[in-house]
Amino acid sequence: MVEEICAHVSVGSRFACWFAHSPSQRVSVIATNGDSPTSLAITNQDNTGHAVVVEIADGERLAYSEGRIMEGESSTEIDAFNETGKYHVRVAVDGSTTTKTFTFEGDDPLTIGIDNSGNVTLST
């Protein structure tokens, strides 16, 4: 049985919702300001499994965080990002973090790729 717990916290015109899923051990943090969501996916092209955490930040403000245990040569969609504008996308693969700048426009899906060497790519 998957259990979901949600609590809303208002901060100005934004809100955040935390979800706790069991047994998948997945935690999501989503903040929104009403912009069009951007679909997100993680693709692990490596034949080795990896622990992957995706964070999206606007300066010091963490706007999104989601983690997955990815099997080798697998792909999965993760929760959409609900803001637009220029953000820093931090992707930790087995604890090694790569930071890239990306402009979210709310219409093109974003794929976070992990190549055979564990390097991170962002593509639309």
PDB file of N, CA and C in Angstrom:
ATOM      1  N   MET A   1       0.845  -1.183   0.000  1.00  0.00           N
ATOM      2  CA  MET A   1       0.000   0.000   0.000  1.00  0.00           C
ATOM      3  C   MET A   1       0.883   1.238   0.000  1.00  0.00           C
ATOM      4  N   VAL A   2       0.592   2.161  -0.892  1.00  0.00           N
ATOM      5  CA  VAL A   2       1.342   3.405  -0.954  1.00  0.00           C
ATOM      6  C   VAL A   2       0.608   4.443  -0.125  1.00  0.00           C
ATOM      7  N   GLU A   3       1.332   5.073   0.768  1.00  0.00           N
ATOM      8  CA  GLU A   3       0.757   6.068   1.654  1.00  0.00           C
ATOM      9  C   GLU A   3       1.236   7.441   1.218  1.00  0.00           C
ATOM     10  N   GLU A   4       0.323   8.400   1.135  1.00  0.00           N
ATOM     11  CA  GLU A   4       0.700   9.742   0.714  1.00  0.00           C
ATOM     12  C   GLU A   4       0.230  10.735   1.762  1.00  0.00           C
ATOM     13  N   ILE A   5       1.145  11.582   2.196  1.00  0.00           N
ATOM     14  CA  ILE A   5       0.851  12.596   3.203  1.00  0.00           C
ATOM     15  C   ILE A   5       1.165  13.946   2.579  1.00  0.00           C
ATOM     16  N   CYS A   6       0.252  14.869   2.658  1.00  0.00           N
ATOM     17  CA  CYS A   6       0.466  16.170   2.035  1.00  0.00           C
ATOM     18  C   CYS A   6       0.122  17.270   3.030  1.00  0.00           C
ATOM     19  N   ALA A   7       1.018  18.244   3.143  1.00  0.00           N
ATOM     20  CA  ALA A   7       0.779  19.415   3.985  1.00  0.00           C
ATOM     21  C   ALA A   7       1.106  20.658   3.167  1.00  0.00           C
ATOM     22  N   HIS A   8       0.220  21.600   3.150  1.00  0.00           N
ATOM     23  CA  HIS A   8       0.434  22.827   2.387  1.00  0.00           C
ATOM     24  C   HIS A   8       0.917  23.945   3.313  1.00  0.00           C
ATOM     25  N   VAL A   9       1.931  24.667   2.860  1.00  0.00           N
ATOM     26  CA  VAL A   9       2.476  25.790   3.604  1.00  0.00           C
ATOM     27  C   VAL A   9       2.482  26.988   2.674  1.00  0.00           C
ATOM     28  N   SER A  10       1.770  28.040   3.009  1.00  0.00           N
ATOM     29  CA  SER A  10       1.717  29.229   2.164  1.00  0.00           C
ATOM     30  C   SER A  10       2.881  30.154   2.452  1.00  0.00           C
ATOM     31  N   VAL A  11       3.502  30.638   1.368  1.00  0.00           N
ATOM     32  CA  VAL A  11       4.580  31.618   1.467  1.00  0.00           C
ATOM     33  C   VAL A  11       4.295  32.653   0.384  1.00  0.00           C
ATOM     34  N   GLY A  12       3.628  33.734   0.744  1.00  0.00           N
ATOM     35  CA  GLY A  12       3.226  34.712  -0.262  1.00  0.00           C
ATOM     36  C   GLY A  12       2.258  34.059  -1.236  1.00  0.00           C
ATOM     37  N   SER A  13       2.550  34.167  -2.547  1.00  0.00           N
ATOM     38  CA  SER A  13       1.696  33.567  -3.565  1.00  0.00           C
ATOM     39  C   SER A  13       2.127  32.146  -3.906  1.00  0.00           C
ATOM     40  N   ARG A  14       3.122  31.618  -3.205  1.00  0.00           N
ATOM     41  CA  ARG A  14       3.629  30.272  -3.478  1.00  0.00           C
ATOM     42  C   ARG A  14       3.126  29.310  -2.401  1.00  0.00           C
ATOM     43  N   PHE A  15       3.112  28.039  -2.749  1.00  0.00           N
ATOM     44  CA  PHE A  15       2.823  27.026  -1.743  1.00  0.00           C
ATOM     45  C   PHE A  15       3.729  25.837  -1.985  1.00  0.00           C
ATOM     46  N   ALA A  16       3.915  25.057  -0.964  1.00  0.00           N
ATOM     47  CA  ALA A  16       4.751  23.858  -1.069  1.00  0.00           C
ATOM     48  C   ALA A  16       3.965  22.670  -0.553  1.00  0.00           C
ATOM     49  N   CYS A  17       4.239  21.525  -1.119  1.00  0.00           N
ATOM     50  CA  CYS A  17       3.569  20.308  -0.712  1.00  0.00           C
ATOM     51  C   CYS A  17       4.609  19.203  -0.614  1.00  0.00           C
ATOM     52  N   TRP A  18       4.657  18.527   0.521  1.00  0.00           N
ATOM     53  CA  TRP A  18       5.597  17.435   0.725  1.00  0.00           C
ATOM     54  C   TRP A  18       4.836  16.129   0.645  1.00  0.00           C
ATOM     55  N   PHE A  19       5.363  15.185  -0.119  1.00  0.00           N
ATOM     56  CA  PHE A  19       4.745  13.882  -0.262  1.00  0.00           C
ATOM     57  C   PHE A  19       5.687  12.820   0.284  1.00  0.00           C
ATOM     58  N   ALA A  20       5.188  11.931   1.092  1.00  0.00           N
ATOM     59  CA  ALA A  20       5.984  10.806   1.584  1.00  0.00           C
ATOM     60  C   ALA A  20       5.361   9.532   1.035  1.00  0.00           C
ATOM     61  N   HIS A  21       6.124   8.791   0.251  1.00  0.00           N
ATOM     62  CA  HIS A  21       5.648   7.564  -0.356  1.00  0.00           C
ATOM     63  C   HIS A  21       6.370   6.378   0.262  1.00  0.00           C
ATOM     64  N   SER A  22       5.622   5.357   0.536  1.00  0.00           N
ATOM     65  CA  SER A  22       6.207   4.142   1.073  1.00  0.00           C
ATOM     66  C   SER A  22       5.588   2.997   0.299  1.00  0.00           C
ATOM     67  N   PRO A  23       6.265   1.976  -0.131  1.00  0.00           N
ATOM     68  CA  PRO A  23       7.626   1.584   0.201  1.00  0.00           C
ATOM     69  C   PRO A  23       8.678   2.117  -0.762  1.00  0.00           C
ATOM     70  N   SER A  24       8.319   2.981  -1.689  1.00  0.00           N
ATOM     71  CA  SER A  24       9.294   3.430  -2.687  1.00  0.00           C
ATOM     72  C   SER A  24      10.358   4.359  -2.118  1.00  0.00           C
ATOM     73  N   GLN A  25      10.193   4.842  -0.898  1.00  0.00           N
ATOM     74  CA  GLN A  25      11.153   5.723  -0.234  1.00  0.00           C
ATOM     75  C   GLN A  25      11.410   6.976  -1.066  1.00  0.00           C
ATOM     76  N   ARG A  26      10.374   7.484  -1.680  1.00  0.00           N
ATOM     77  CA  ARG A  26      10.471   8.664  -2.531  1.00  0.00           C
ATOM     78  C   ARG A  26       9.916   9.860  -1.784  1.00  0.00           C
ATOM     79  N   VAL A  27      10.608  10.991  -1.881  1.00  0.00           N
ATOM     80  CA  VAL A  27      10.137  12.222  -1.265  1.00  0.00           C
ATOM     81  C   VAL A  27      10.167  13.314  -2.318  1.00  0.00           C
ATOM     82  N   SER A  28       9.092  14.068  -2.428  1.00  0.00           N
ATOM     83  CA  SER A  28       9.010  15.144  -3.403  1.00  0.00           C
ATOM     84  C   SER A  28       8.721  16.450  -2.703  1.00  0.00           C
ATOM     85  N   VAL A  29       9.316  17.518  -3.183  1.00  0.00           N
ATOM     86  CA  VAL A  29       9.005  18.850  -2.698  1.00  0.00           C
ATOM     87  C   VAL A  29       8.696  19.687  -3.928  1.00  0.00           C
ATOM     88  N   ILE A  30       7.521  20.275  -3.966  1.00  0.00           N
ATOM     89  CA  ILE A  30       7.112  21.037  -5.133  1.00  0.00           C
ATOM     90  C   ILE A  30       6.679  22.418  -4.674  1.00  0.00           C
ATOM     91  N   ALA A  31       7.176  23.445  -5.349  1.00  0.00           N
ATOM     92  CA  ALA A  31       6.699  24.803  -5.112  1.00  0.00           C
ATOM     93  C   ALA A  31       6.126  25.311  -6.420  1.00  0.00           C
ATOM     94  N   THR A  32       5.057  26.086  -6.342  1.00  0.00           N
ATOM     95  CA  THR A  32       4.456  26.548  -7.582  1.00  0.00           C
ATOM     96  C   THR A  32       4.010  27.996  -7.448  1.00  0.00           C
ATOM     97  N   ASN A  33       4.031  28.684  -8.578  1.00  0.00           N
ATOM     98  CA  ASN A  33       3.491  30.034  -8.632  1.00  0.00           C
ATOM     99  C   ASN A  33       2.430  30.136  -9.720  1.00  0.00           C
ATOM    100  N   GLY A  34       1.933  28.977 -10.192  1.00  0.00           N
ATOM    101  CA  GLY A  34       0.863  28.964 -11.168  1.00  0.00           C
ATOM    102  C   GLY A  34       1.335  28.930 -12.604  1.00  0.00           C
ATOM    103  N   ASP A  35       2.635  28.890 -12.876  1.00  0.00           N
ATOM    104  CA  ASP A  35       3.135  28.816 -14.243  1.00  0.00           C
ATOM    105  C   ASP A  35       2.868  27.427 -14.815  1.00  0.00           C
ATOM    106  N   SER A  36       3.023  27.295 -16.146  1.00  0.00           N
ATOM    107  CA  SER A  36       2.844  26.003 -16.801  1.00  0.00           C
ATOM    108  C   SER A  36       3.914  25.031 -16.338  1.00  0.00           C
ATOM    109  N   PRO A  37       3.544  23.792 -16.040  1.00  0.00           N
ATOM    110  CA  PRO A  37       4.538  22.829 -15.575  1.00  0.00           C
ATOM    111  C   PRO A  37       5.430  22.319 -16.711  1.00  0.00           C
ATOM    112  N   THR A  38       6.668  21.972 -16.369  1.00  0.00           N
ATOM    113  CA  THR A  38       7.603  21.342 -17.290  1.00  0.00           C
ATOM    114  C   THR A  38       7.733  19.884 -16.883  1.00  0.00           C
ATOM    115  N   SER A  39       7.432  18.978 -17.801  1.00  0.00           N
ATOM    116  CA  SER A  39       7.592  17.547 -17.535  1.00  0.00           C
ATOM    117  C   SER A  39       9.069  17.235 -17.381  1.00  0.00           C
ATOM    118  N   LEU A  40       9.404  16.367 -16.415  1.00  0.00           N
ATOM    119  CA  LEU A  40      10.785  15.978 -16.162  1.00  0.00           C
ATOM    120  C   LEU A  40      10.919  14.466 -16.227  1.00  0.00           C
ATOM    121  N   ALA A  41      12.063  13.999 -16.744  1.00  0.00           N
ATOM    122  CA  ALA A  41      12.354  12.573 -16.790  1.00  0.00           C
ATOM    123  C   ALA A  41      13.837  12.365 -16.519  1.00  0.00           C
ATOM    124  N   ILE A  42      14.169  11.214 -15.955  1.00  0.00           N
ATOM    125  CA  ILE A  42      15.562  10.817 -15.760  1.00  0.00           C
ATOM    126  C   ILE A  42      15.803   9.592 -16.634  1.00  0.00           C
ATOM    127  N   THR A  43      16.891   9.625 -17.419  1.00  0.00           N
ATOM    128  CA  THR A  43      17.285   8.494 -18.243  1.00  0.00           C
ATOM    129  C   THR A  43      18.692   8.077 -17.858  1.00  0.00           C
ATOM    130  N   ASN A  44      18.822   6.847 -17.378  1.00  0.00           N
ATOM    131  CA  ASN A  44      20.125   6.301 -17.012  1.00  0.00           C
ATOM    132  C   ASN A  44      20.598   5.405 -18.155  1.00  0.00           C
ATOM    133  N   GLN A  45      21.545   5.906 -18.960  1.00  0.00           N
ATOM    134  CA  GLN A  45      22.072   5.142 -20.088  1.00  0.00           C
ATOM    135  C   GLN A  45      23.196   4.209 -19.664  1.00  0.00           C
ATOM    136  N   ASP A  46      23.662   4.356 -18.432  1.00  0.00           N
ATOM    137  CA  ASP A  46      24.716   3.504 -17.897  1.00  0.00           C
ATOM    138  C   ASP A  46      24.121   2.130 -17.581  1.00  0.00           C
ATOM    139  N   ASN A  47      24.937   1.063 -17.720  1.00  0.00           N
ATOM    140  CA  ASN A  47      24.436  -0.264 -17.380  1.00  0.00           C
ATOM    141  C   ASN A  47      24.510  -0.543 -15.879  1.00  0.00           C
ATOM    142  N   THR A  48      24.964   0.461 -15.115  1.00  0.00           N
ATOM    143  CA  THR A  48      25.056   0.385 -13.662  1.00  0.00           C
ATOM    144  C   THR A  48      23.947   1.236 -13.039  1.00  0.00           C
ATOM    145  N   GLY A  49      23.361   0.747 -11.958  1.00  0.00           N
ATOM    146  CA  GLY A  49      22.355   1.522 -11.247  1.00  0.00           C
ATOM    147  C   GLY A  49      22.978   2.691 -10.495  1.00  0.00           C
ATOM    148  N   HIS A  50      22.206   3.756 -10.290  1.00  0.00           N
ATOM    149  CA  HIS A  50      22.690   4.959  -9.604  1.00  0.00           C
ATOM    150  C   HIS A  50      21.597   5.525  -8.701  1.00  0.00           C
ATOM    151  N   ALA A  51      22.019   6.146  -7.598  1.00  0.00           N
ATOM    152  CA  ALA A  51      21.136   6.969  -6.769  1.00  0.00           C
ATOM    153  C   ALA A  51      21.184   8.371  -7.351  1.00  0.00           C
ATOM    154  N   VAL A  52      20.030   8.929  -7.724  1.00  0.00           N
ATOM    155  CA  VAL A  52      19.968  10.228  -8.398  1.00  0.00           C
ATOM    156  C   VAL A  52      19.055  11.167  -7.618  1.00  0.00           C
ATOM    157  N   VAL A  53      19.547  12.387  -7.350  1.00  0.00           N
ATOM    158  CA  VAL A  53      18.736  13.426  -6.721  1.00  0.00           C
ATOM    159  C   VAL A  53      18.776  14.644  -7.634  1.00  0.00           C
ATOM    160  N   VAL A  54      17.593  15.156  -7.978  1.00  0.00           N
ATOM    161  CA  VAL A  54      17.462  16.345  -8.817  1.00  0.00           C
ATOM    162  C   VAL A  54      16.953  17.478  -7.943  1.00  0.00           C
ATOM    163  N   GLU A  55      17.688  18.597  -7.931  1.00  0.00           N
ATOM    164  CA  GLU A  55      17.256  19.806  -7.224  1.00  0.00           C
ATOM    165  C   GLU A  55      17.246  20.961  -8.204  1.00  0.00           C
ATOM    166  N   ILE A  56      16.242  21.803  -8.092  1.00  0.00           N
ATOM    167  CA  ILE A  56      16.132  22.998  -8.925  1.00  0.00           C
ATOM    168  C   ILE A  56      16.051  24.182  -7.984  1.00  0.00           C
ATOM    169  N   ALA A  57      16.967  25.141  -8.189  1.00  0.00           N
ATOM    170  CA  ALA A  57      17.067  26.267  -7.253  1.00  0.00           C
ATOM    171  C   ALA A  57      17.104  27.589  -8.002  1.00  0.00           C
ATOM    172  N   ASP A  58      16.543  28.588  -7.359  1.00  0.00           N
ATOM    173  CA  ASP A  58      16.583  29.977  -7.818  1.00  0.00           C
ATOM    174  C   ASP A  58      17.455  30.710  -6.806  1.00  0.00           C
ATOM    175  N   GLY A  59      18.755  30.798  -7.097  1.00  0.00           N
ATOM    176  CA  GLY A  59      19.682  31.347  -6.114  1.00  0.00           C
ATOM    177  C   GLY A  59      19.777  30.374  -4.955  1.00  0.00           C
ATOM    178  N   GLU A  60      19.521  30.838  -3.750  1.00  0.00           N
ATOM    179  CA  GLU A  60      19.576  29.987  -2.557  1.00  0.00           C
ATOM    180  C   GLU A  60      18.249  29.288  -2.277  1.00  0.00           C
ATOM    181  N   ARG A  61      17.180  29.693  -2.972  1.00  0.00           N
ATOM    182  CA  ARG A  61      15.852  29.128  -2.725  1.00  0.00           C
ATOM    183  C   ARG A  61      15.683  27.807  -3.472  1.00  0.00           C
ATOM    184  N   LEU A  62      15.496  26.730  -2.729  1.00  0.00           N
ATOM    185  CA  LEU A  62      15.243  25.425  -3.319  1.00  0.00           C
ATOM    186  C   LEU A  62      13.781  25.371  -3.748  1.00  0.00           C
ATOM    187  N   ALA A  63      13.542  25.223  -5.045  1.00  0.00           N
ATOM    188  CA  ALA A  63      12.186  25.220  -5.578  1.00  0.00           C
ATOM    189  C   ALA A  63      11.665  23.805  -5.837  1.00  0.00           C
ATOM    190  N   TYR A  64      12.567  22.811  -5.909  1.00  0.00           N
ATOM    191  CA  TYR A  64      12.158  21.453  -6.273  1.00  0.00           C
ATOM    192  C   TYR A  64      13.237  20.476  -5.839  1.00  0.00           C
ATOM    193  N   SER A  65      12.828  19.308  -5.374  1.00  0.00           N
ATOM    194  CA  SER A  65      13.784  18.249  -5.046  1.00  0.00           C
ATOM    195  C   SER A  65      13.097  16.907  -5.212  1.00  0.00           C
ATOM    196  N   GLU A  66      13.744  15.987  -5.908  1.00  0.00           N
ATOM    197  CA  GLU A  66      13.189  14.651  -6.117  1.00  0.00           C
ATOM    198  C   GLU A  66      14.336  13.668  -6.268  1.00  0.00           C
ATOM    199  N   GLY A  67      14.206  12.509  -5.692  1.00  0.00           N
ATOM    200  CA  GLY A  67      15.245  11.497  -5.777  1.00  0.00           C
ATOM    201  C   GLY A  67      14.713  10.167  -6.235  1.00  0.00           C
ATOM    202  N   ARG A  68      15.582   9.396  -6.878  1.00  0.00           N
ATOM    203  CA  ARG A  68      15.225   8.059  -7.354  1.00  0.00           C
ATOM    204  C   ARG A  68      16.443   7.145  -7.282  1.00  0.00           C
ATOM    205  N   ILE A  69      16.200   5.875  -7.085  1.00  0.00           N
ATOM    206  CA  ILE A  69      17.209   4.849  -7.297  1.00  0.00           C
ATOM    207  C   ILE A  69      16.938   4.327  -8.704  1.00  0.00           C
ATOM    208  N   MET A  70      17.871   4.573  -9.620  1.00  0.00           N
ATOM    209  CA  MET A  70      17.692   4.205 -11.028  1.00  0.00           C
ATOM    210  C   MET A  70      18.451   2.924 -11.330  1.00  0.00           C
ATOM    211  N   GLU A  71      17.764   1.952 -11.904  1.00  0.00           N
ATOM    212  CA  GLU A  71      18.423   0.745 -12.371  1.00  0.00           C
ATOM    213  C   GLU A  71      19.215   1.083 -13.626  1.00  0.00           C
ATOM    214  N   GLY A  72      20.169   0.232 -13.977  1.00  0.00           N
ATOM    215  CA  GLY A  72      20.939   0.431 -15.197  1.00  0.00           C
ATOM    216  C   GLY A  72      20.034   0.416 -16.421  1.00  0.00           C
ATOM    217  N   GLU A  73      20.372   1.264 -17.392  1.00  0.00           N
ATOM    218  CA  GLU A  73      19.643   1.370 -18.659  1.00  0.00           C
ATOM    219  C   GLU A  73      18.135   1.465 -18.435  1.00  0.00           C
ATOM    220  N   SER A  74      17.738   2.469 -17.643  1.00  0.00           N
ATOM    221  CA  SER A  74      16.318   2.666 -17.340  1.00  0.00           C
ATOM    222  C   SER A  74      15.949   4.137 -17.484  1.00  0.00           C
ATOM    223  N   SER A  75      14.656   4.384 -17.524  1.00  0.00           N
ATOM    224  CA  SER A  75      14.147   5.742 -17.646  1.00  0.00           C
ATOM    225  C   SER A  75      12.852   5.843 -16.850  1.00  0.00           C
ATOM    226  N   THR A  76      12.617   7.011 -16.245  1.00  0.00           N
ATOM    227  CA  THR A  76      11.379   7.221 -15.499  1.00  0.00           C
ATOM    228  C   THR A  76      11.008   8.702 -15.524  1.00  0.00           C
ATOM    229  N   GLU A  77       9.719   8.975 -15.515  1.00  0.00           N
ATOM    230  CA  GLU A  77       9.249  10.347 -15.355  1.00  0.00           C
ATOM    231  C   GLU A  77       9.214  10.659 -13.871  1.00  0.00           C
ATOM    232  N   ILE A  78       9.512  11.912 -13.533  1.00  0.00           N
ATOM    233  CA  ILE A  78       9.396  12.381 -12.164  1.00  0.00           C
ATOM    234  C   ILE A  78       8.400  13.531 -12.148  1.00  0.00           C
ATOM    235  N   ASP A  79       8.054  14.016 -10.964  1.00  0.00           N
ATOM    236  CA  ASP A  79       7.069  15.093 -10.863  1.00  0.00           C
ATOM    237  C   ASP A  79       7.488  16.303 -11.685  1.00  0.00           C
ATOM    238  N   ALA A  80       6.519  16.952 -12.294  1.00  0.00           N
ATOM    239  CA  ALA A  80       6.766  18.134 -13.124  1.00  0.00           C
ATOM    240  C   ALA A  80       7.248  19.308 -12.269  1.00  0.00           C
ATOM    241  N   PHE A  81       7.992  20.215 -12.911  1.00  0.00           N
ATOM    242  CA  PHE A  81       8.433  21.455 -12.265  1.00  0.00           C
ATOM    243  C   PHE A  81       7.457  22.545 -12.675  1.00  0.00           C
ATOM    244  N   ASN A  82       6.926  23.276 -11.692  1.00  0.00           N
ATOM    245  CA  ASN A  82       5.806  24.181 -11.928  1.00  0.00           C
ATOM    246  C   ASN A  82       6.156  25.661 -11.997  1.00  0.00           C
ATOM    247  N   GLU A  83       7.385  25.992 -12.333  1.00  0.00           N
ATOM    248  CA  GLU A  83       7.758  27.396 -12.448  1.00  0.00           C
ATOM    249  C   GLU A  83       8.449  27.629 -13.784  1.00  0.00           C
ATOM    250  N   THR A  84       8.545  28.884 -14.170  1.00  0.00           N
ATOM    251  CA  THR A  84       9.271  29.246 -15.385  1.00  0.00           C
ATOM    252  C   THR A  84      10.381  30.225 -15.032  1.00  0.00           C
ATOM    253  N   GLY A  85      11.365  30.317 -15.924  1.00  0.00           N
ATOM    254  CA  GLY A  85      12.485  31.220 -15.720  1.00  0.00           C
ATOM    255  C   GLY A  85      13.799  30.458 -15.671  1.00  0.00           C
ATOM    256  N   LYS A  86      14.876  31.188 -15.376  1.00  0.00           N
ATOM    257  CA  LYS A  86      16.218  30.616 -15.330  1.00  0.00           C
ATOM    258  C   LYS A  86      16.505  30.079 -13.933  1.00  0.00           C
ATOM    259  N   TYR A  87      16.918  28.808 -13.863  1.00  0.00           N
ATOM    260  CA  TYR A  87      17.183  28.127 -12.603  1.00  0.00           C
ATOM    261  C   TYR A  87      18.485  27.331 -12.688  1.00  0.00           C
ATOM    262  N   HIS A  88      19.025  27.014 -11.531  1.00  0.00           N
ATOM    263  CA  HIS A  88      20.166  26.109 -11.430  1.00  0.00           C
ATOM    264  C   HIS A  88      19.610  24.708 -11.185  1.00  0.00           C
ATOM    265  N   VAL A  89      19.983  23.773 -12.047  1.00  0.00           N
ATOM    266  CA  VAL A  89      19.565  22.379 -11.897  1.00  0.00           C
ATOM    267  C   VAL A  89      20.766  21.618 -11.346  1.00  0.00           C
ATOM    268  N   ARG A  90      20.614  21.095 -10.124  1.00  0.00           N
ATOM    269  CA  ARG A  90      21.678  20.311  -9.496  1.00  0.00           C
ATOM    270  C   ARG A  90      21.268  18.845  -9.533  1.00  0.00           C
ATOM    271  N   VAL A  91      22.157  18.035 -10.107  1.00  0.00           N
ATOM    272  CA  VAL A  91      21.880  16.614 -10.207  1.00  0.00           C
ATOM    273  C   VAL A  91      23.002  15.864  -9.498  1.00  0.00           C
ATOM    274  N   ALA A  92      22.656  15.143  -8.443  1.00  0.00           N
ATOM    275  CA  ALA A  92      23.634  14.333  -7.722  1.00  0.00           C
ATOM    276  C   ALA A  92      23.475  12.886  -8.175  1.00  0.00           C
ATOM    277  N   VAL A  93      24.578  12.308  -8.650  1.00  0.00           N
ATOM    278  CA  VAL A  93      24.610  10.907  -9.062  1.00  0.00           C
ATOM    279  C   VAL A  93      25.567  10.202  -8.108  1.00  0.00           C
ATOM    280  N   ASP A  94      25.026   9.352  -7.263  1.00  0.00           N
ATOM    281  CA  ASP A  94      25.828   8.651  -6.250  1.00  0.00           C
ATOM    282  C   ASP A  94      26.660   9.619  -5.418  1.00  0.00           C
ATOM    283  N   GLY A  95      26.077  10.795  -5.111  1.00  0.00           N
ATOM    284  CA  GLY A  95      26.731  11.769  -4.248  1.00  0.00           C
ATOM    285  C   GLY A  95      27.601  12.787  -4.960  1.00  0.00           C
ATOM    286  N   SER A  96      27.901  12.600  -6.247  1.00  0.00           N
ATOM    287  CA  SER A  96      28.696  13.559  -7.024  1.00  0.00           C
ATOM    288  C   SER A  96      27.737  14.494  -7.759  1.00  0.00           C
ATOM    289  N   THR A  97      27.831  15.809  -7.455  1.00  0.00           N
ATOM    290  CA  THR A  97      26.845  16.775  -7.952  1.00  0.00           C
ATOM    291  C   THR A  97      27.355  17.557  -9.150  1.00  0.00           C
ATOM    292  N   THR A  98      26.480  17.675 -10.154  1.00  0.00           N
ATOM    293  CA  THR A  98      26.702  18.515 -11.329  1.00  0.00           C
ATOM    294  C   THR A  98      25.645  19.607 -11.309  1.00  0.00           C
ATOM    295  N   THR A  99      26.055  20.858 -11.550  1.00  0.00           N
ATOM    296  CA  THR A  99      25.101  21.974 -11.599  1.00  0.00           C
ATOM    297  C   THR A  99      25.114  22.583 -12.990  1.00  0.00           C
ATOM    298  N   LYS A 100      23.933  22.739 -13.567  1.00  0.00           N
ATOM    299  CA  LYS A 100      23.776  23.352 -14.882  1.00  0.00           C
ATOM    300  C   LYS A 100      22.676  24.400 -14.790  1.00  0.00           C
ATOM    301  N   THR A 101      22.771  25.425 -15.622  1.00  0.00           N
ATOM    302  CA  THR A 101      21.732  26.451 -15.690  1.00  0.00           C
ATOM    303  C   THR A 101      20.767  26.080 -16.811  1.00  0.00           C
ATOM    304  N   PHE A 102      19.473  26.216 -16.539  1.00  0.00           N
ATOM    305  CA  PHE A 102      18.455  25.873 -17.531  1.00  0.00           C
ATOM    306  C   PHE A 102      17.316  26.873 -17.424  1.00  0.00           C
ATOM    307  N   THR A 103      16.777  27.294 -18.571  1.00  0.00           N
ATOM    308  CA  THR A 103      15.628  28.187 -18.594  1.00  0.00           C
ATOM    309  C   THR A 103      14.373  27.361 -18.839  1.00  0.00           C
ATOM    310  N   PHE A 104      13.509  27.328 -17.838  1.00  0.00           N
ATOM    311  CA  PHE A 104      12.250  26.604 -17.936  1.00  0.00           C
ATOM    312  C   PHE A 104      11.218  27.515 -18.574  1.00  0.00           C
ATOM    313  N   GLU A 105      10.610  27.031 -19.656  1.00  0.00           N
ATOM    314  CA  GLU A 105       9.594  27.819 -20.356  1.00  0.00           C
ATOM    315  C   GLU A 105       8.212  27.196 -20.231  1.00  0.00           C
ATOM    316  N   GLY A 106       8.140  26.020 -19.614  1.00  0.00           N
ATOM    317  CA  GLY A 106       6.860  25.412 -19.320  1.00  0.00           C
ATOM    318  C   GLY A 106       6.225  24.621 -20.439  1.00  0.00           C
ATOM    319  N   ASP A 107       6.884  24.507 -21.602  1.00  0.00           N
ATOM    320  CA  ASP A 107       6.238  23.768 -22.680  1.00  0.00           C
ATOM    321  C   ASP A 107       7.049  22.560 -23.145  1.00  0.00           C
ATOM    322  N   ASP A 108       8.363  22.636 -23.140  1.00  0.00           N
ATOM    323  CA  ASP A 108       9.202  21.518 -23.570  1.00  0.00           C
ATOM    324  C   ASP A 108       9.589  20.650 -22.379  1.00  0.00           C
ATOM    325  N   PRO A 109       9.420  19.320 -22.493  1.00  0.00           N
ATOM    326  CA  PRO A 109       9.861  18.448 -21.396  1.00  0.00           C
ATOM    327  C   PRO A 109      11.385  18.475 -21.264  1.00  0.00           C
ATOM    328  N   LEU A 110      11.880  18.254 -20.072  1.00  0.00           N
ATOM    329  CA  LEU A 110      13.320  18.221 -19.814  1.00  0.00           C
ATOM    330  C   LEU A 110      13.710  16.802 -19.419  1.00  0.00           C
ATOM    331  N   THR A 111      14.730  16.265 -20.112  1.00  0.00           N
ATOM    332  CA  THR A 111      15.266  14.954 -19.766  1.00  0.00           C
ATOM    333  C   THR A 111      16.628  15.136 -19.132  1.00  0.00           C
ATOM    334  N   ILE A 112      16.801  14.552 -17.959  1.00  0.00           N
ATOM    335  CA  ILE A 112      18.076  14.552 -17.255  1.00  0.00           C
ATOM    336  C   ILE A 112      18.727  13.217 -17.593  1.00  0.00           C
ATOM    337  N   GLY A 113      19.823  13.262 -18.341  1.00  0.00           N
ATOM    338  CA  GLY A 113      20.482  12.044 -18.790  1.00  0.00           C
ATOM    339  C   GLY A 113      21.732  11.742 -17.981  1.00  0.00           C
ATOM    340  N   ILE A 114      21.985  10.452 -17.800  1.00  0.00           N
ATOM    341  CA  ILE A 114      23.217   9.978 -17.160  1.00  0.00           C
ATOM    342  C   ILE A 114      23.888   9.055 -18.168  1.00  0.00           C
ATOM    343  N   ASP A 115      25.097   9.420 -18.622  1.00  0.00           N
ATOM    344  CA  ASP A 115      25.771   8.606 -19.633  1.00  0.00           C
ATOM    345  C   ASP A 115      26.549   7.453 -18.997  1.00  0.00           C
ATOM    346  N   ASN A 116      27.261   6.690 -19.823  1.00  0.00           N
ATOM    347  CA  ASN A 116      27.978   5.509 -19.344  1.00  0.00           C
ATOM    348  C   ASN A 116      29.081   5.814 -18.346  1.00  0.00           C
ATOM    349  N   SER A 117      29.522   7.065 -18.285  1.00  0.00           N
ATOM    350  CA  SER A 117      30.553   7.461 -17.321  1.00  0.00           C
ATOM    351  C   SER A 117      29.982   8.126 -16.082  1.00  0.00           C
ATOM    352  N   GLY A 118      28.639   8.227 -16.011  1.00  0.00           N
ATOM    353  CA  GLY A 118      27.998   8.889 -14.886  1.00  0.00           C
ATOM    354  C   GLY A 118      27.879  10.388 -15.048  1.00  0.00           C
ATOM    355  N   ASN A 119      28.229  10.915 -16.253  1.00  0.00           N
ATOM    356  CA  ASN A 119      28.114  12.351 -16.520  1.00  0.00           C
ATOM    357  C   ASN A 119      26.651  12.722 -16.766  1.00  0.00           C
ATOM    358  N   VAL A 120      26.289  13.957 -16.405  1.00  0.00           N
ATOM    359  CA  VAL A 120      24.910  14.437 -16.490  1.00  0.00           C
ATOM    360  C   VAL A 120      24.737  15.335 -17.710  1.00  0.00           C
ATOM    361  N   THR A 121      23.632  15.125 -18.436  1.00  0.00           N
ATOM    362  CA  THR A 121      23.244  16.004 -19.542  1.00  0.00           C
ATOM    363  C   THR A 121      21.811  16.454 -19.321  1.00  0.00           C
ATOM    364  N   LEU A 122      21.465  17.624 -19.843  1.00  0.00           N
ATOM    365  CA  LEU A 122      20.097  18.127 -19.851  1.00  0.00           C
ATOM    366  C   LEU A 122      19.693  18.301 -21.311  1.00  0.00           C
ATOM    367  N   SER A 123      18.528  17.784 -21.678  1.00  0.00           N
ATOM    368  CA  SER A 123      18.085  17.951 -23.064  1.00  0.00           C
ATOM    369  C   SER A 123      16.568  18.112 -23.109  1.00  0.00           C
ATOM    370  N   THR A 124      16.121  18.832 -24.137  1.00  0.00           N
ATOM    371  CA  THR A 124      14.677  19.025 -24.333  1.00  0.00           C
ATOM    372  C   THR A 124      14.235  18.282 -25.575  1.00  0.00           C
TER     373      THR A 124
END
